[in-house]
Amino acid sequence: MTEFPKLLMILGAVLFAAGFIMQVIGKLPGDIFVKRGNITFFFPVVTCIVISVILSLLFSIFGRMK
């Protein structure tokens, strides 16, 4: 039962870090934002690319550790 609280703390830290990163890089130049009347459309193209590159690098680094 001692592993479960550690897992929850790690999960909470990861979620906090992800939220912080989304606040910092949430609206980069190149993201699509259209507002017409009552309709708002937002698609973070550049943000998705940046997150994809960061995750690819992290998975590559952690994959080599095995």
N, C-alpha and C. Protein backbone atom coordinates (compact mmCIF):
# COMPACT_ATOMS: atom_id res chain seq x y z
N MET A 1 0.82 -1.20 0.00
CA MET A 1 0.00 0.00 0.00
C MET A 1 0.86 1.27 0.00
N THR A 2 2.15 1.15 0.25
CA THR A 2 3.00 2.34 0.28
C THR A 2 3.31 2.86 -1.12
N GLU A 3 3.16 2.04 -2.16
CA GLU A 3 3.44 2.48 -3.52
C GLU A 3 2.31 3.34 -4.09
N PHE A 4 1.09 3.14 -3.66
CA PHE A 4 -0.04 3.88 -4.20
C PHE A 4 0.05 5.38 -3.92
N PRO A 5 0.36 5.82 -2.69
CA PRO A 5 0.50 7.27 -2.47
C PRO A 5 1.62 7.89 -3.30
N LYS A 6 2.71 7.16 -3.48
CA LYS A 6 3.80 7.67 -4.32
C LYS A 6 3.35 7.83 -5.76
N LEU A 7 2.60 6.84 -6.23
CA LEU A 7 2.07 6.90 -7.59
C LEU A 7 1.14 8.10 -7.76
N LEU A 8 0.29 8.34 -6.78
CA LEU A 8 -0.61 9.50 -6.85
C LEU A 8 0.15 10.82 -6.84
N MET A 9 1.21 10.91 -6.05
CA MET A 9 2.01 12.14 -6.02
C MET A 9 2.73 12.36 -7.34
N ILE A 10 3.25 11.29 -7.92
CA ILE A 10 3.92 11.42 -9.21
C ILE A 10 2.93 11.82 -10.29
N LEU A 11 1.75 11.19 -10.29
CA LEU A 11 0.71 11.53 -11.25
C LEU A 11 0.28 12.99 -11.10
N GLY A 12 0.13 13.44 -9.86
CA GLY A 12 -0.23 14.83 -9.61
C GLY A 12 0.83 15.80 -10.10
N ALA A 13 2.10 15.45 -9.89
CA ALA A 13 3.20 16.30 -10.35
C ALA A 13 3.24 16.37 -11.87
N VAL A 14 2.99 15.24 -12.52
CA VAL A 14 2.98 15.21 -13.99
C VAL A 14 1.83 16.06 -14.53
N LEU A 15 0.65 15.93 -13.92
CA LEU A 15 -0.49 16.73 -14.36
C LEU A 15 -0.26 18.22 -14.12
N PHE A 16 0.36 18.55 -13.00
CA PHE A 16 0.68 19.95 -12.71
C PHE A 16 1.66 20.50 -13.74
N ALA A 17 2.69 19.72 -14.05
CA ALA A 17 3.68 20.16 -15.04
C ALA A 17 3.04 20.31 -16.42
N ALA A 18 2.16 19.38 -16.78
CA ALA A 18 1.49 19.48 -18.08
C ALA A 18 0.60 20.72 -18.15
N GLY A 19 -0.11 21.01 -17.08
CA GLY A 19 -0.94 22.21 -17.03
C GLY A 19 -0.12 23.48 -17.12
N PHE A 20 1.02 23.49 -16.43
CA PHE A 20 1.89 24.67 -16.46
C PHE A 20 2.45 24.88 -17.87
N ILE A 21 2.87 23.78 -18.50
CA ILE A 21 3.41 23.89 -19.85
C ILE A 21 2.34 24.38 -20.82
N MET A 22 1.12 23.90 -20.67
CA MET A 22 0.04 24.35 -21.55
C MET A 22 -0.27 25.83 -21.34
N GLN A 23 -0.11 26.33 -20.12
CA GLN A 23 -0.31 27.76 -19.88
C GLN A 23 0.78 28.59 -20.56
N VAL A 24 2.01 28.07 -20.52
CA VAL A 24 3.15 28.81 -21.07
C VAL A 24 3.15 28.78 -22.59
N ILE A 25 2.96 27.58 -23.18
CA ILE A 25 3.05 27.48 -24.64
C ILE A 25 1.69 27.24 -25.26
N GLY A 26 0.63 27.58 -24.57
CA GLY A 26 -0.72 27.28 -25.04
C GLY A 26 -1.14 28.01 -26.30
N LYS A 27 -0.64 29.20 -26.54
CA LYS A 27 -1.06 29.95 -27.73
C LYS A 27 0.17 30.50 -28.43
N LEU A 28 0.72 29.68 -29.28
CA LEU A 28 1.89 30.07 -30.05
C LEU A 28 1.47 30.68 -31.37
N PRO A 29 2.35 31.50 -31.96
CA PRO A 29 2.05 32.00 -33.30
C PRO A 29 1.94 30.82 -34.27
N GLY A 30 0.93 30.81 -35.09
CA GLY A 30 0.70 29.71 -36.01
C GLY A 30 -0.48 28.86 -35.60
N ASP A 31 -0.95 29.01 -34.36
CA ASP A 31 -2.16 28.31 -33.93
C ASP A 31 -3.36 28.97 -34.60
N ILE A 32 -4.33 28.17 -34.98
CA ILE A 32 -5.50 28.68 -35.69
C ILE A 32 -6.57 29.07 -34.69
N PHE A 33 -7.00 30.33 -34.76
CA PHE A 33 -8.06 30.84 -33.88
C PHE A 33 -9.01 31.66 -34.73
N VAL A 34 -10.25 31.20 -34.83
CA VAL A 34 -11.26 31.90 -35.62
C VAL A 34 -12.47 32.15 -34.74
N LYS A 35 -12.92 33.41 -34.71
CA LYS A 35 -14.12 33.75 -33.96
C LYS A 35 -15.05 34.54 -34.87
N ARG A 36 -16.21 33.95 -35.13
CA ARG A 36 -17.21 34.59 -35.98
C ARG A 36 -18.56 34.46 -35.31
N GLY A 37 -19.10 35.56 -34.87
CA GLY A 37 -20.40 35.55 -34.21
C GLY A 37 -20.36 34.76 -32.92
N ASN A 38 -21.21 33.75 -32.83
CA ASN A 38 -21.28 32.93 -31.64
C ASN A 38 -20.37 31.71 -31.69
N ILE A 39 -19.65 31.54 -32.79
CA ILE A 39 -18.83 30.35 -32.97
C ILE A 39 -17.36 30.70 -32.80
N THR A 40 -16.67 29.92 -31.98
CA THR A 40 -15.23 30.07 -31.79
C THR A 40 -14.56 28.75 -32.11
N PHE A 41 -13.51 28.80 -32.95
CA PHE A 41 -12.77 27.60 -33.32
C PHE A 41 -11.30 27.84 -33.02
N PHE A 42 -10.70 26.93 -32.26
CA PHE A 42 -9.28 27.03 -31.92
C PHE A 42 -8.62 25.69 -32.16
N PHE A 43 -7.59 25.65 -33.00
CA PHE A 43 -6.82 24.44 -33.24
C PHE A 43 -5.34 24.78 -33.08
N PRO A 44 -4.71 24.26 -32.03
CA PRO A 44 -3.31 24.60 -31.74
C PRO A 44 -2.32 23.78 -32.58
N VAL A 45 -2.16 24.15 -33.83
CA VAL A 45 -1.29 23.40 -34.75
C VAL A 45 0.15 23.42 -34.27
N VAL A 46 0.70 24.58 -34.06
CA VAL A 46 2.11 24.72 -33.67
C VAL A 46 2.33 24.14 -32.28
N THR A 47 1.40 24.34 -31.37
CA THR A 47 1.51 23.80 -30.03
C THR A 47 1.57 22.27 -30.09
N CYS A 48 0.75 21.66 -30.93
CA CYS A 48 0.76 20.20 -31.08
C CYS A 48 2.10 19.71 -31.62
N ILE A 49 2.66 20.45 -32.55
CA ILE A 49 3.95 20.06 -33.12
C ILE A 49 5.05 20.16 -32.06
N VAL A 50 5.05 21.23 -31.28
CA VAL A 50 6.06 21.41 -30.22
C VAL A 50 5.94 20.30 -29.19
N ILE A 51 4.73 20.00 -28.74
CA ILE A 51 4.53 18.93 -27.76
C ILE A 51 4.95 17.59 -28.33
N SER A 52 4.66 17.34 -29.60
CA SER A 52 5.05 16.09 -30.24
C SER A 52 6.57 15.93 -30.28
N VAL A 53 7.27 16.99 -30.61
CA VAL A 53 8.74 16.94 -30.65
C VAL A 53 9.31 16.69 -29.26
N ILE A 54 8.78 17.38 -28.25
CA ILE A 54 9.25 17.21 -26.87
C ILE A 54 9.01 15.78 -26.40
N LEU A 55 7.82 15.24 -26.63
CA LEU A 55 7.52 13.88 -26.21
C LEU A 55 8.37 12.86 -26.97
N SER A 56 8.59 13.09 -28.25
CA SER A 56 9.44 12.17 -29.02
C SER A 56 10.86 12.14 -28.47
N LEU A 57 11.39 13.30 -28.11
CA LEU A 57 12.72 13.35 -27.52
C LEU A 57 12.76 12.64 -26.17
N LEU A 58 11.75 12.88 -25.33
CA LEU A 58 11.71 12.23 -24.02
C LEU A 58 11.60 10.72 -24.14
N PHE A 59 10.72 10.24 -25.01
CA PHE A 59 10.57 8.79 -25.19
C PHE A 59 11.84 8.17 -25.78
N SER A 60 12.51 8.90 -26.65
CA SER A 60 13.75 8.40 -27.21
C SER A 60 14.83 8.28 -26.12
N ILE A 61 14.93 9.29 -25.27
CA ILE A 61 15.92 9.27 -24.19
C ILE A 61 15.61 8.15 -23.20
N PHE A 62 14.35 8.04 -22.77
CA PHE A 62 13.99 7.01 -21.80
C PHE A 62 14.01 5.62 -22.42
N GLY A 63 13.81 5.51 -23.71
CA GLY A 63 13.86 4.22 -24.38
C GLY A 63 15.27 3.66 -24.45
N ARG A 64 16.25 4.54 -24.50
CA ARG A 64 17.65 4.10 -24.55
C ARG A 64 18.18 3.68 -23.17
N MET A 65 17.49 4.06 -22.12
CA MET A 65 17.94 3.75 -20.77
C MET A 65 17.79 2.27 -20.42
N LYS A 66 16.93 1.56 -21.14
CA LYS A 66 16.71 0.15 -20.81
C LYS A 66 17.87 -0.69 -21.15
